[in-house]
Amino acid sequence: MGALVAVEGLDGAGKRTLTTALTVQLRARGARVASMAFPRYGRSVHADLVSAALHGKVGDLGDSVYGMAVLFALDRADAAAELTTMRKQHDVVLLDRYAASNAAFGAARLHQDAQGEFQEWVRELEFGQFSLPVPTLQVLLRVPLDVAASRAAQRESADASRTRDAFERDAALQERTGAVYEGLAHDGWVSPWLVHVPARETSPEAEAVSIDQLAERLLHGRC
């Protein structure tokens, strides 16, 4: 069974970029790699309801922290069989967000920290009631809040059809979410964590080395 690796971080942190870079590095080493991004917009009715709620199109649904968390979790539950198949056919399956994003954003919305009751409720919901596969490793992509916010805004400017949702527009929520993520990583929530800090501010070569080392750890199980 292949490793299940979740890449987590704030909106605009660069999760898709890191996932793509890891895919290239792992395949260069001969690994079979697959990826999936959550929420699965356009593929899952639950994910599409999430999108509608985050853009204020489903009444007050977006105001319900627990209601939104259930929709996020149902999206992943619907993908469980597909994830199992992917793991059987690949050495590494990379996920752009997984259950930790539910715990982090929900706890932040409720002004709780990583030790609050909400994260435990999410753990029981997703890995207990829905029996989702536990990630082999979770990677927290740590970037400054202003950098993540700038990237999110740039994505919106580059694509006229895309508008930032309620979570992306809320800078205070993003800051609290970042703090919860740090706590989850520190506590080893559900499974082992690694913190990845992009080295763009040093040099492109330094970032490549960092990703290269991360790929080596994933491939050889040193998680």
N, C-alpha and C. Protein backbone atom coordinates (compact mmCIF):
# COMPACT_ATOMS: atom_id res chain seq x y z
N MET A 1 0.86 -1.19 0.00
CA MET A 1 0.00 0.00 0.00
C MET A 1 0.89 1.24 0.00
N GLY A 2 0.65 2.16 -0.94
CA GLY A 2 1.47 3.35 -1.04
C GLY A 2 1.27 4.32 0.11
N ALA A 3 2.25 5.18 0.32
CA ALA A 3 2.18 6.19 1.37
C ALA A 3 1.13 7.24 1.01
N LEU A 4 0.39 7.68 2.02
CA LEU A 4 -0.61 8.73 1.84
C LEU A 4 -0.08 9.98 2.51
N VAL A 5 0.25 11.00 1.71
CA VAL A 5 0.93 12.19 2.23
C VAL A 5 0.05 13.42 1.99
N ALA A 6 -0.33 14.08 3.06
CA ALA A 6 -1.18 15.27 2.97
C ALA A 6 -0.34 16.53 3.09
N VAL A 7 -0.52 17.44 2.14
CA VAL A 7 0.16 18.74 2.18
C VAL A 7 -0.84 19.78 2.68
N GLU A 8 -0.52 20.42 3.79
CA GLU A 8 -1.43 21.35 4.45
C GLU A 8 -0.83 22.75 4.51
N GLY A 9 -1.71 23.74 4.66
CA GLY A 9 -1.23 25.12 4.79
C GLY A 9 -2.34 26.10 4.51
N LEU A 10 -2.04 27.37 4.70
CA LEU A 10 -3.02 28.43 4.48
C LEU A 10 -3.38 28.55 3.00
N ASP A 11 -4.49 29.22 2.72
CA ASP A 11 -4.85 29.54 1.35
C ASP A 11 -3.75 30.43 0.77
N GLY A 12 -3.21 30.03 -0.39
CA GLY A 12 -2.14 30.80 -1.01
C GLY A 12 -0.75 30.41 -0.54
N ALA A 13 -0.66 29.36 0.28
CA ALA A 13 0.65 28.97 0.81
C ALA A 13 1.54 28.36 -0.26
N GLY A 14 0.94 27.80 -1.31
CA GLY A 14 1.72 27.16 -2.36
C GLY A 14 1.64 25.65 -2.33
N LYS A 15 0.53 25.12 -1.82
CA LYS A 15 0.37 23.67 -1.69
C LYS A 15 0.40 22.98 -3.05
N ARG A 16 -0.28 23.55 -4.03
CA ARG A 16 -0.29 22.95 -5.37
C ARG A 16 1.11 22.97 -5.97
N THR A 17 1.84 24.05 -5.77
CA THR A 17 3.20 24.16 -6.29
C THR A 17 4.11 23.10 -5.66
N LEU A 18 4.00 22.94 -4.34
CA LEU A 18 4.81 21.95 -3.64
C LEU A 18 4.44 20.54 -4.09
N THR A 19 3.15 20.27 -4.23
CA THR A 19 2.71 18.94 -4.66
C THR A 19 3.25 18.62 -6.05
N THR A 20 3.21 19.60 -6.94
CA THR A 20 3.74 19.40 -8.29
C THR A 20 5.24 19.14 -8.26
N ALA A 21 5.96 19.92 -7.47
CA ALA A 21 7.41 19.76 -7.38
C ALA A 21 7.78 18.41 -6.79
N LEU A 22 7.05 17.97 -5.78
CA LEU A 22 7.31 16.66 -5.19
C LEU A 22 7.03 15.54 -6.18
N THR A 23 5.97 15.71 -6.96
CA THR A 23 5.64 14.71 -7.97
C THR A 23 6.78 14.54 -8.96
N VAL A 24 7.33 15.67 -9.40
CA VAL A 24 8.46 15.63 -10.35
C VAL A 24 9.66 14.93 -9.73
N GLN A 25 9.98 15.29 -8.48
CA GLN A 25 11.14 14.72 -7.81
C GLN A 25 10.96 13.22 -7.58
N LEU A 26 9.79 12.82 -7.15
CA LEU A 26 9.55 11.40 -6.86
C LEU A 26 9.56 10.56 -8.14
N ARG A 27 8.95 11.09 -9.19
CA ARG A 27 8.94 10.34 -10.45
C ARG A 27 10.33 10.22 -11.04
N ALA A 28 11.16 11.23 -10.81
CA ALA A 28 12.54 11.17 -11.29
C ALA A 28 13.31 10.05 -10.60
N ARG A 29 12.82 9.64 -9.43
CA ARG A 29 13.46 8.56 -8.69
C ARG A 29 12.78 7.21 -8.99
N GLY A 30 11.87 7.21 -9.94
CA GLY A 30 11.22 5.97 -10.34
C GLY A 30 9.98 5.62 -9.56
N ALA A 31 9.49 6.53 -8.73
CA ALA A 31 8.30 6.24 -7.93
C ALA A 31 7.03 6.47 -8.74
N ARG A 32 6.04 5.67 -8.44
CA ARG A 32 4.71 5.86 -9.03
C ARG A 32 3.94 6.81 -8.11
N VAL A 33 3.52 7.94 -8.66
CA VAL A 33 2.92 8.99 -7.85
C VAL A 33 1.56 9.40 -8.41
N ALA A 34 0.61 9.60 -7.51
CA ALA A 34 -0.72 10.11 -7.87
C ALA A 34 -1.06 11.24 -6.91
N SER A 35 -2.02 12.05 -7.27
CA SER A 35 -2.39 13.16 -6.40
C SER A 35 -3.89 13.41 -6.46
N MET A 36 -4.38 14.06 -5.43
CA MET A 36 -5.78 14.46 -5.35
C MET A 36 -5.86 15.72 -4.51
N ALA A 37 -6.77 16.62 -4.86
CA ALA A 37 -6.95 17.86 -4.11
C ALA A 37 -8.34 17.90 -3.49
N PHE A 38 -8.40 18.35 -2.26
CA PHE A 38 -9.67 18.56 -1.56
C PHE A 38 -9.83 20.05 -1.24
N PRO A 39 -11.08 20.55 -1.30
CA PRO A 39 -12.31 19.89 -1.72
C PRO A 39 -12.28 19.57 -3.22
N ARG A 40 -13.05 18.57 -3.62
CA ARG A 40 -13.05 18.13 -5.02
C ARG A 40 -14.12 18.91 -5.80
N TYR A 41 -13.89 20.19 -5.97
CA TYR A 41 -14.85 21.04 -6.67
C TYR A 41 -15.10 20.52 -8.09
N GLY A 42 -16.37 20.47 -8.47
CA GLY A 42 -16.72 19.99 -9.80
C GLY A 42 -16.84 18.48 -9.90
N ARG A 43 -16.44 17.77 -8.83
CA ARG A 43 -16.51 16.31 -8.83
C ARG A 43 -17.42 15.78 -7.74
N SER A 44 -17.66 16.56 -6.72
CA SER A 44 -18.41 16.10 -5.55
C SER A 44 -19.51 17.10 -5.22
N VAL A 45 -20.73 16.59 -5.03
CA VAL A 45 -21.84 17.48 -4.67
C VAL A 45 -21.57 18.15 -3.33
N HIS A 46 -20.90 17.46 -2.42
CA HIS A 46 -20.60 18.05 -1.12
C HIS A 46 -19.61 19.21 -1.27
N ALA A 47 -18.60 19.01 -2.11
CA ALA A 47 -17.62 20.07 -2.35
C ALA A 47 -18.28 21.27 -3.02
N ASP A 48 -19.17 21.02 -3.96
CA ASP A 48 -19.84 22.12 -4.65
C ASP A 48 -20.77 22.88 -3.71
N LEU A 49 -21.38 22.18 -2.75
CA LEU A 49 -22.18 22.86 -1.73
C LEU A 49 -21.29 23.73 -0.84
N VAL A 50 -20.09 23.23 -0.54
CA VAL A 50 -19.12 24.01 0.23
C VAL A 50 -18.80 25.31 -0.50
N SER A 51 -18.51 25.20 -1.80
CA SER A 51 -18.17 26.38 -2.59
C SER A 51 -19.33 27.38 -2.60
N ALA A 52 -20.54 26.87 -2.80
CA ALA A 52 -21.72 27.76 -2.82
C ALA A 52 -21.90 28.45 -1.47
N ALA A 53 -21.69 27.70 -0.38
CA ALA A 53 -21.86 28.28 0.95
C ALA A 53 -20.80 29.34 1.23
N LEU A 54 -19.56 29.07 0.80
CA LEU A 54 -18.47 30.03 1.04
C LEU A 54 -18.64 31.31 0.23
N HIS A 55 -19.47 31.25 -0.79
CA HIS A 55 -19.75 32.44 -1.58
C HIS A 55 -21.15 32.99 -1.28
N GLY A 56 -21.74 32.57 -0.15
CA GLY A 56 -23.00 33.13 0.31
C GLY A 56 -24.20 32.77 -0.51
N LYS A 57 -24.19 31.61 -1.16
CA LYS A 57 -25.28 31.23 -2.06
C LYS A 57 -26.22 30.18 -1.47
N VAL A 58 -25.99 29.78 -0.22
CA VAL A 58 -26.83 28.74 0.39
C VAL A 58 -27.33 29.24 1.75
N GLY A 59 -27.94 30.41 1.74
CA GLY A 59 -28.47 30.95 2.98
C GLY A 59 -27.40 31.10 4.05
N ASP A 60 -27.71 30.61 5.26
CA ASP A 60 -26.77 30.76 6.37
C ASP A 60 -25.92 29.51 6.60
N LEU A 61 -25.89 28.60 5.63
CA LEU A 61 -25.11 27.37 5.80
C LEU A 61 -23.64 27.69 6.10
N GLY A 62 -23.08 28.67 5.42
CA GLY A 62 -21.68 29.00 5.62
C GLY A 62 -21.36 29.48 7.03
N ASP A 63 -22.39 29.89 7.78
CA ASP A 63 -22.16 30.36 9.15
C ASP A 63 -22.00 29.20 10.13
N SER A 64 -22.41 28.00 9.73
CA SER A 64 -22.35 26.85 10.61
C SER A 64 -20.99 26.16 10.51
N VAL A 65 -20.19 26.26 11.54
CA VAL A 65 -18.86 25.65 11.53
C VAL A 65 -18.98 24.13 11.43
N TYR A 66 -19.88 23.56 12.21
CA TYR A 66 -20.03 22.10 12.20
C TYR A 66 -20.70 21.62 10.90
N GLY A 67 -21.66 22.39 10.40
CA GLY A 67 -22.30 22.01 9.14
C GLY A 67 -21.31 21.99 7.99
N MET A 68 -20.47 23.01 7.91
CA MET A 68 -19.46 23.06 6.86
C MET A 68 -18.44 21.94 7.03
N ALA A 69 -18.07 21.67 8.27
CA ALA A 69 -17.09 20.60 8.53
C ALA A 69 -17.62 19.25 8.08
N VAL A 70 -18.91 19.02 8.27
CA VAL A 70 -19.51 17.75 7.84
C VAL A 70 -19.46 17.65 6.31
N LEU A 71 -19.73 18.74 5.61
CA LEU A 71 -19.66 18.72 4.15
C LEU A 71 -18.24 18.43 3.67
N PHE A 72 -17.25 19.08 4.27
CA PHE A 72 -15.86 18.81 3.91
C PHE A 72 -15.53 17.33 4.13
N ALA A 73 -15.98 16.80 5.27
CA ALA A 73 -15.68 15.40 5.61
C ALA A 73 -16.41 14.44 4.66
N LEU A 74 -17.64 14.75 4.30
CA LEU A 74 -18.39 13.90 3.38
C LEU A 74 -17.73 13.84 2.00
N ASP A 75 -17.14 14.95 1.59
CA ASP A 75 -16.40 14.96 0.32
C ASP A 75 -15.27 13.94 0.38
N ARG A 76 -14.53 13.92 1.49
CA ARG A 76 -13.43 12.97 1.62
C ARG A 76 -13.95 11.54 1.76
N ALA A 77 -15.06 11.37 2.49
CA ALA A 77 -15.62 10.03 2.65
C ALA A 77 -16.02 9.43 1.30
N ASP A 78 -16.56 10.26 0.42
CA ASP A 78 -16.94 9.80 -0.91
C ASP A 78 -15.73 9.39 -1.74
N ALA A 79 -14.56 9.94 -1.40
CA ALA A 79 -13.34 9.64 -2.15
C ALA A 79 -12.54 8.50 -1.55
N ALA A 80 -13.01 7.91 -0.45
CA ALA A 80 -12.23 6.90 0.27
C ALA A 80 -11.88 5.70 -0.61
N ALA A 81 -12.85 5.20 -1.35
CA ALA A 81 -12.59 4.02 -2.20
C ALA A 81 -11.57 4.35 -3.28
N GLU A 82 -11.69 5.56 -3.85
CA GLU A 82 -10.74 5.97 -4.89
C GLU A 82 -9.33 6.10 -4.30
N LEU A 83 -9.23 6.63 -3.09
CA LEU A 83 -7.93 6.76 -2.44
C LEU A 83 -7.30 5.39 -2.20
N THR A 84 -8.11 4.43 -1.80
CA THR A 84 -7.60 3.08 -1.57
C THR A 84 -7.05 2.48 -2.86
N THR A 85 -7.78 2.66 -3.95
CA THR A 85 -7.32 2.16 -5.24
C THR A 85 -6.02 2.83 -5.67
N MET A 86 -5.95 4.15 -5.47
CA MET A 86 -4.74 4.89 -5.84
C MET A 86 -3.54 4.40 -5.04
N ARG A 87 -3.74 4.12 -3.76
CA ARG A 87 -2.63 3.67 -2.93
C ARG A 87 -2.15 2.28 -3.34
N LYS A 88 -3.06 1.45 -3.82
CA LYS A 88 -2.67 0.12 -4.27
C LYS A 88 -1.85 0.18 -5.56
N GLN A 89 -2.06 1.23 -6.34
CA GLN A 89 -1.43 1.33 -7.65
C GLN A 89 -0.23 2.25 -7.69
N HIS A 90 0.05 2.95 -6.58
CA HIS A 90 1.13 3.93 -6.57
C HIS A 90 1.97 3.80 -5.30
N ASP A 91 3.18 4.30 -5.38
CA ASP A 91 4.07 4.30 -4.22
C ASP A 91 3.75 5.43 -3.26
N VAL A 92 3.34 6.57 -3.82
CA VAL A 92 3.01 7.74 -3.01
C VAL A 92 1.75 8.40 -3.59
N VAL A 93 0.81 8.74 -2.71
CA VAL A 93 -0.37 9.51 -3.10
C VAL A 93 -0.30 10.83 -2.34
N LEU A 94 -0.20 11.92 -3.08
CA LEU A 94 -0.09 13.25 -2.50
C LEU A 94 -1.46 13.92 -2.46
N LEU A 95 -1.82 14.47 -1.32
CA LEU A 95 -3.10 15.13 -1.15
C LEU A 95 -2.90 16.62 -0.88
N ASP A 96 -3.56 17.44 -1.67
CA ASP A 96 -3.59 18.88 -1.44
C ASP A 96 -4.77 19.13 -0.50
N ARG A 97 -4.50 19.20 0.79
CA ARG A 97 -5.44 19.28 1.90
C ARG A 97 -6.03 17.91 2.22
N TYR A 98 -6.31 17.73 3.53
CA TYR A 98 -6.97 16.53 4.00
C TYR A 98 -7.70 16.89 5.29
N ALA A 99 -7.87 15.96 6.19
CA ALA A 99 -8.69 16.21 7.37
C ALA A 99 -8.15 17.32 8.27
N ALA A 100 -6.83 17.50 8.31
CA ALA A 100 -6.27 18.53 9.18
C ALA A 100 -6.76 19.93 8.82
N SER A 101 -7.06 20.15 7.54
CA SER A 101 -7.58 21.46 7.15
C SER A 101 -8.94 21.70 7.79
N ASN A 102 -9.73 20.65 7.92
CA ASN A 102 -11.03 20.76 8.58
C ASN A 102 -10.85 21.14 10.04
N ALA A 103 -9.90 20.46 10.70
CA ALA A 103 -9.63 20.75 12.11
C ALA A 103 -9.10 22.16 12.30
N ALA A 104 -8.18 22.57 11.42
CA ALA A 104 -7.53 23.87 11.59
C ALA A 104 -8.49 25.03 11.35
N PHE A 105 -9.19 25.00 10.22
CA PHE A 105 -10.08 26.12 9.90
C PHE A 105 -11.28 26.16 10.85
N GLY A 106 -11.85 25.00 11.18
CA GLY A 106 -12.99 24.98 12.08
C GLY A 106 -12.63 25.46 13.47
N ALA A 107 -11.52 24.99 13.99
CA ALA A 107 -11.09 25.44 15.31
C ALA A 107 -10.83 26.94 15.32
N ALA A 108 -10.20 27.43 14.24
CA ALA A 108 -9.92 28.87 14.14
C ALA A 108 -11.21 29.68 14.10
N ARG A 109 -12.21 29.18 13.38
CA ARG A 109 -13.49 29.90 13.32
C ARG A 109 -14.14 29.96 14.69
N LEU A 110 -13.91 28.94 15.51
CA LEU A 110 -14.50 28.89 16.85
C LEU A 110 -13.58 29.52 17.90
N HIS A 111 -12.45 30.09 17.45
CA HIS A 111 -11.45 30.69 18.34
C HIS A 111 -10.92 29.67 19.35
N GLN A 112 -10.74 28.44 18.87
CA GLN A 112 -10.12 27.40 19.68
C GLN A 112 -8.69 27.17 19.18
N ASP A 113 -7.89 26.50 20.01
CA ASP A 113 -6.54 26.17 19.59
C ASP A 113 -6.46 24.70 19.19
N ALA A 114 -5.26 24.20 18.97
CA ALA A 114 -5.07 22.83 18.50
C ALA A 114 -5.42 21.78 19.55
N GLN A 115 -5.63 22.21 20.80
CA GLN A 115 -6.00 21.27 21.85
C GLN A 115 -7.49 21.35 22.19
N GLY A 116 -8.24 22.17 21.44
CA GLY A 116 -9.66 22.36 21.73
C GLY A 116 -10.50 21.16 21.35
N GLU A 117 -11.77 21.21 21.72
CA GLU A 117 -12.66 20.08 21.50
C GLU A 117 -12.99 19.88 20.02
N PHE A 118 -12.90 20.95 19.21
CA PHE A 118 -13.30 20.81 17.80
C PHE A 118 -12.36 19.88 17.05
N GLN A 119 -11.05 20.00 17.27
CA GLN A 119 -10.12 19.12 16.56
C GLN A 119 -10.38 17.66 16.90
N GLU A 120 -10.75 17.39 18.15
CA GLU A 120 -11.04 16.02 18.55
C GLU A 120 -12.31 15.51 17.88
N TRP A 121 -13.29 16.41 17.75
CA TRP A 121 -14.54 16.05 17.07
C TRP A 121 -14.26 15.72 15.60
N VAL A 122 -13.41 16.51 14.95
CA VAL A 122 -13.06 16.24 13.55
C VAL A 122 -12.33 14.91 13.43
N ARG A 123 -11.41 14.65 14.33
CA ARG A 123 -10.67 13.39 14.32
C ARG A 123 -11.64 12.19 14.39
N GLU A 124 -12.59 12.26 15.32
CA GLU A 124 -13.55 11.17 15.47
C GLU A 124 -14.47 11.06 14.27
N LEU A 125 -14.90 12.20 13.72
CA LEU A 125 -15.80 12.19 12.57
C LEU A 125 -15.12 11.56 11.35
N GLU A 126 -13.94 12.05 11.01
CA GLU A 126 -13.31 11.64 9.76
C GLU A 126 -12.63 10.27 9.86
N PHE A 127 -11.90 10.04 10.94
CA PHE A 127 -11.16 8.78 11.05
C PHE A 127 -11.89 7.72 11.86
N GLY A 128 -12.91 8.15 12.63
CA GLY A 128 -13.71 7.20 13.40
C GLY A 128 -14.98 6.83 12.65
N GLN A 129 -15.93 7.75 12.60
CA GLN A 129 -17.22 7.47 11.98
C GLN A 129 -17.12 7.18 10.48
N PHE A 130 -16.29 7.95 9.76
CA PHE A 130 -16.16 7.76 8.31
C PHE A 130 -15.02 6.81 7.93
N SER A 131 -14.22 6.41 8.89
CA SER A 131 -13.13 5.45 8.67
C SER A 131 -12.21 5.83 7.51
N LEU A 132 -11.88 7.11 7.41
CA LEU A 132 -10.97 7.54 6.36
C LEU A 132 -9.56 7.01 6.63
N PRO A 133 -8.78 6.74 5.58
CA PRO A 133 -7.41 6.27 5.80
C PRO A 133 -6.58 7.34 6.49
N VAL A 134 -5.81 6.93 7.48
CA VAL A 134 -4.94 7.85 8.21
C VAL A 134 -3.73 8.18 7.35
N PRO A 135 -3.37 9.44 7.21
CA PRO A 135 -2.20 9.78 6.39
C PRO A 135 -0.92 9.23 6.98
N THR A 136 -0.05 8.77 6.10
CA THR A 136 1.26 8.30 6.53
C THR A 136 2.08 9.46 7.08
N LEU A 137 1.94 10.60 6.45
CA LEU A 137 2.69 11.80 6.82
C LEU A 137 1.87 13.02 6.45
N GLN A 138 1.99 14.08 7.26
CA GLN A 138 1.37 15.36 6.95
C GLN A 138 2.46 16.43 6.90
N VAL A 139 2.44 17.21 5.84
CA VAL A 139 3.46 18.23 5.62
C VAL A 139 2.83 19.61 5.75
N LEU A 140 3.27 20.38 6.73
CA LEU A 140 2.77 21.74 6.89
C LEU A 140 3.67 22.68 6.10
N LEU A 141 3.09 23.36 5.13
CA LEU A 141 3.82 24.33 4.32
C LEU A 141 3.73 25.67 5.02
N ARG A 142 4.83 26.08 5.61
CA ARG A 142 4.85 27.30 6.42
C ARG A 142 5.35 28.48 5.59
N VAL A 143 4.49 29.47 5.39
CA VAL A 143 4.86 30.71 4.71
C VAL A 143 4.28 31.87 5.51
N PRO A 144 4.87 33.06 5.40
CA PRO A 144 4.31 34.23 6.10
C PRO A 144 2.89 34.50 5.65
N LEU A 145 2.07 34.99 6.59
CA LEU A 145 0.67 35.25 6.30
C LEU A 145 0.50 36.23 5.15
N ASP A 146 1.32 37.28 5.10
CA ASP A 146 1.16 38.28 4.05
C ASP A 146 1.51 37.71 2.67
N VAL A 147 2.46 36.76 2.64
CA VAL A 147 2.82 36.13 1.37
C VAL A 147 1.66 35.27 0.87
N ALA A 148 1.08 34.48 1.75
CA ALA A 148 -0.05 33.64 1.37
C ALA A 148 -1.23 34.48 0.89
N ALA A 149 -1.52 35.59 1.60
CA ALA A 149 -2.63 36.45 1.23
C ALA A 149 -2.40 37.10 -0.13
N SER A 150 -1.17 37.51 -0.38
CA SER A 150 -0.83 38.14 -1.66
C SER A 150 -1.02 37.15 -2.81
N ARG A 151 -0.62 35.91 -2.61
CA ARG A 151 -0.78 34.91 -3.66
C ARG A 151 -2.25 34.63 -3.94
N ALA A 152 -3.06 34.55 -2.89
CA ALA A 152 -4.48 34.31 -3.06
C ALA A 152 -5.12 35.43 -3.86
N ALA A 153 -4.72 36.66 -3.56
CA ALA A 153 -5.25 37.82 -4.29
C ALA A 153 -4.78 37.81 -5.74
N GLN A 154 -3.54 37.41 -5.97
CA GLN A 154 -3.01 37.36 -7.33
C GLN A 154 -3.75 36.33 -8.17
N ARG A 155 -4.11 35.20 -7.56
CA ARG A 155 -4.88 34.18 -8.29
C ARG A 155 -6.21 34.74 -8.74
N GLU A 156 -6.84 35.53 -7.88
CA GLU A 156 -8.12 36.13 -8.22
C GLU A 156 -7.96 37.13 -9.35
N SER A 157 -6.90 37.92 -9.32
CA SER A 157 -6.66 38.91 -10.37
C SER A 157 -6.35 38.26 -11.71
N ALA A 158 -5.66 37.12 -11.66
CA ALA A 158 -5.26 36.44 -12.90
C ALA A 158 -6.41 35.69 -13.56
N ASP A 159 -7.44 35.38 -12.78
CA ASP A 159 -8.57 34.62 -13.31
C ASP A 159 -9.86 35.36 -12.98
N ALA A 160 -10.43 36.01 -13.99
CA ALA A 160 -11.62 36.84 -13.78
C ALA A 160 -12.81 36.01 -13.31
N SER A 161 -12.81 34.71 -13.57
CA SER A 161 -13.94 33.85 -13.19
C SER A 161 -13.82 33.38 -11.75
N ARG A 162 -12.67 33.66 -11.11
CA ARG A 162 -12.45 33.18 -9.75
C ARG A 162 -12.53 34.32 -8.75
N THR A 163 -13.31 34.14 -7.71
CA THR A 163 -13.38 35.12 -6.63
C THR A 163 -13.01 34.43 -5.32
N ARG A 164 -12.29 35.14 -4.47
CA ARG A 164 -11.90 34.56 -3.19
C ARG A 164 -13.14 34.29 -2.34
N ASP A 165 -13.11 33.15 -1.65
CA ASP A 165 -14.26 32.81 -0.82
C ASP A 165 -14.15 33.49 0.54
N ALA A 166 -15.14 33.23 1.41
CA ALA A 166 -15.21 33.90 2.69
C ALA A 166 -14.00 33.60 3.57
N PHE A 167 -13.47 32.38 3.50
CA PHE A 167 -12.30 32.03 4.29
C PHE A 167 -11.07 32.78 3.79
N GLU A 168 -10.91 32.82 2.48
CA GLU A 168 -9.72 33.45 1.89
C GLU A 168 -9.68 34.96 2.16
N ARG A 169 -10.85 35.58 2.23
CA ARG A 169 -10.91 37.04 2.42
C ARG A 169 -10.71 37.45 3.87
N ASP A 170 -10.82 36.51 4.79
CA ASP A 170 -10.77 36.82 6.22
C ASP A 170 -9.34 36.68 6.74
N ALA A 171 -8.61 37.78 6.78
CA ALA A 171 -7.20 37.75 7.19
C ALA A 171 -7.04 37.27 8.63
N ALA A 172 -7.94 37.69 9.51
CA ALA A 172 -7.85 37.28 10.91
C ALA A 172 -8.06 35.77 11.04
N LEU A 173 -8.98 35.23 10.26
CA LEU A 173 -9.22 33.79 10.27
C LEU A 173 -7.98 33.04 9.79
N GLN A 174 -7.36 33.55 8.71
CA GLN A 174 -6.17 32.91 8.19
C GLN A 174 -5.05 32.90 9.24
N GLU A 175 -4.91 34.00 9.97
CA GLU A 175 -3.87 34.07 11.00
C GLU A 175 -4.13 33.05 12.11
N ARG A 176 -5.39 32.96 12.55
CA ARG A 176 -5.73 31.99 13.61
C ARG A 176 -5.55 30.56 13.10
N THR A 177 -5.91 30.34 11.84
CA THR A 177 -5.76 29.01 11.25
C THR A 177 -4.31 28.60 11.21
N GLY A 178 -3.44 29.54 10.86
CA GLY A 178 -2.01 29.25 10.85
C GLY A 178 -1.51 28.81 12.21
N ALA A 179 -2.02 29.46 13.26
CA ALA A 179 -1.61 29.11 14.62
C ALA A 179 -2.10 27.71 14.99
N VAL A 180 -3.32 27.38 14.58
CA VAL A 180 -3.84 26.03 14.86
C VAL A 180 -3.03 24.99 14.11
N TYR A 181 -2.72 25.26 12.85
CA TYR A 181 -1.89 24.33 12.07
C TYR A 181 -0.56 24.06 12.79
N GLU A 182 0.06 25.12 13.29
CA GLU A 182 1.34 24.95 13.99
C GLU A 182 1.16 24.04 15.20
N GLY A 183 0.05 24.23 15.91
CA GLY A 183 -0.22 23.39 17.07
C GLY A 183 -0.47 21.94 16.70
N LEU A 184 -1.20 21.72 15.62
CA LEU A 184 -1.47 20.35 15.16
C LEU A 184 -0.17 19.65 14.77
N ALA A 185 0.69 20.38 14.06
CA ALA A 185 1.97 19.81 13.66
C ALA A 185 2.83 19.50 14.88
N HIS A 186 2.86 20.41 15.82
CA HIS A 186 3.66 20.23 17.04
C HIS A 186 3.19 19.01 17.83
N ASP A 187 1.86 18.80 17.88
CA ASP A 187 1.28 17.70 18.65
C ASP A 187 1.28 16.38 17.89
N GLY A 188 1.64 16.40 16.60
CA GLY A 188 1.58 15.18 15.80
C GLY A 188 0.15 14.68 15.65
N TRP A 189 -0.74 15.59 15.33
CA TRP A 189 -2.17 15.27 15.23
C TRP A 189 -2.40 14.14 14.24
N VAL A 190 -2.94 13.02 14.71
CA VAL A 190 -3.34 11.85 13.93
C VAL A 190 -2.15 11.02 13.43
N SER A 191 -1.12 11.67 12.90
CA SER A 191 0.04 10.95 12.36
C SER A 191 1.25 11.89 12.37
N PRO A 192 2.44 11.40 11.98
CA PRO A 192 3.63 12.27 11.99
C PRO A 192 3.49 13.47 11.04
N TRP A 193 4.15 14.57 11.41
CA TRP A 193 4.17 15.80 10.61
C TRP A 193 5.61 16.22 10.33
N LEU A 194 5.77 16.90 9.20
CA LEU A 194 7.00 17.62 8.88
C LEU A 194 6.60 19.05 8.54
N VAL A 195 7.44 20.01 8.88
CA VAL A 195 7.21 21.41 8.50
C VAL A 195 8.17 21.74 7.37
N HIS A 196 7.62 22.20 6.24
CA HIS A 196 8.45 22.57 5.09
C HIS A 196 8.41 24.08 4.92
N VAL A 197 9.58 24.69 4.90
CA VAL A 197 9.69 26.15 4.72
C VAL A 197 10.34 26.41 3.37
N PRO A 198 9.60 26.95 2.40
CA PRO A 198 10.21 27.26 1.10
C PRO A 198 11.37 28.22 1.27
N ALA A 199 12.42 28.00 0.49
CA ALA A 199 13.63 28.82 0.61
C ALA A 199 13.78 29.81 -0.53
N ARG A 200 12.68 30.30 -1.07
CA ARG A 200 12.75 31.25 -2.19
C ARG A 200 13.55 32.50 -1.81
N GLU A 201 13.42 32.89 -0.52
CA GLU A 201 14.10 34.12 -0.12
C GLU A 201 15.62 33.95 -0.11
N THR A 202 16.09 32.70 -0.14
CA THR A 202 17.54 32.46 -0.17
C THR A 202 18.03 32.33 -1.60
N SER A 203 17.51 31.33 -2.30
CA SER A 203 17.86 31.14 -3.70
C SER A 203 17.01 30.03 -4.26
N PRO A 204 16.77 30.01 -5.56
CA PRO A 204 16.01 28.92 -6.16
C PRO A 204 16.67 27.57 -5.90
N GLU A 205 17.99 27.53 -5.88
CA GLU A 205 18.70 26.28 -5.66
C GLU A 205 18.41 25.73 -4.26
N ALA A 206 18.33 26.63 -3.29
CA ALA A 206 18.09 26.19 -1.92
C ALA A 206 16.72 25.54 -1.79
N GLU A 207 15.72 26.11 -2.46
CA GLU A 207 14.39 25.51 -2.40
C GLU A 207 14.39 24.14 -3.06
N ALA A 208 15.11 24.00 -4.18
CA ALA A 208 15.15 22.73 -4.88
C ALA A 208 15.75 21.65 -3.99
N VAL A 209 16.81 22.01 -3.26
CA VAL A 209 17.44 21.05 -2.36
C VAL A 209 16.46 20.64 -1.28
N SER A 210 15.72 21.58 -0.73
CA SER A 210 14.76 21.30 0.33
C SER A 210 13.70 20.32 -0.16
N ILE A 211 13.16 20.55 -1.33
CA ILE A 211 12.15 19.67 -1.90
C ILE A 211 12.76 18.31 -2.22
N ASP A 212 13.99 18.33 -2.70
CA ASP A 212 14.70 17.10 -3.00
C ASP A 212 14.85 16.24 -1.74
N GLN A 213 15.21 16.86 -0.65
CA GLN A 213 15.36 16.12 0.60
C GLN A 213 14.02 15.58 1.09
N LEU A 214 12.99 16.38 0.94
CA LEU A 214 11.66 15.95 1.34
C LEU A 214 11.22 14.75 0.51
N ALA A 215 11.48 14.78 -0.78
CA ALA A 215 11.13 13.66 -1.65
C ALA A 215 11.86 12.39 -1.22
N GLU A 216 13.13 12.54 -0.84
CA GLU A 216 13.91 11.38 -0.38
C GLU A 216 13.27 10.77 0.86
N ARG A 217 12.83 11.60 1.77
CA ARG A 217 12.21 11.10 3.00
C ARG A 217 10.92 10.37 2.70
N LEU A 218 10.12 10.92 1.79
CA LEU A 218 8.87 10.27 1.43
C LEU A 218 9.11 8.92 0.78
N LEU A 219 10.09 8.88 -0.10
CA LEU A 219 10.33 7.67 -0.88
C LEU A 219 10.92 6.55 -0.04
N HIS A 220 11.73 6.91 0.93
CA HIS A 220 12.41 5.88 1.73
C HIS A 220 11.78 5.69 3.10
N GLY A 221 10.61 6.29 3.29
CA GLY A 221 9.87 6.02 4.51
C GLY A 221 10.44 6.61 5.77
N ARG A 222 11.31 7.58 5.65
CA ARG A 222 11.89 8.20 6.84
C ARG A 222 10.99 9.36 7.29
N CYS A 223 9.78 9.02 7.68
CA CYS A 223 8.79 10.02 8.04
C CYS A 223 8.69 10.19 9.55
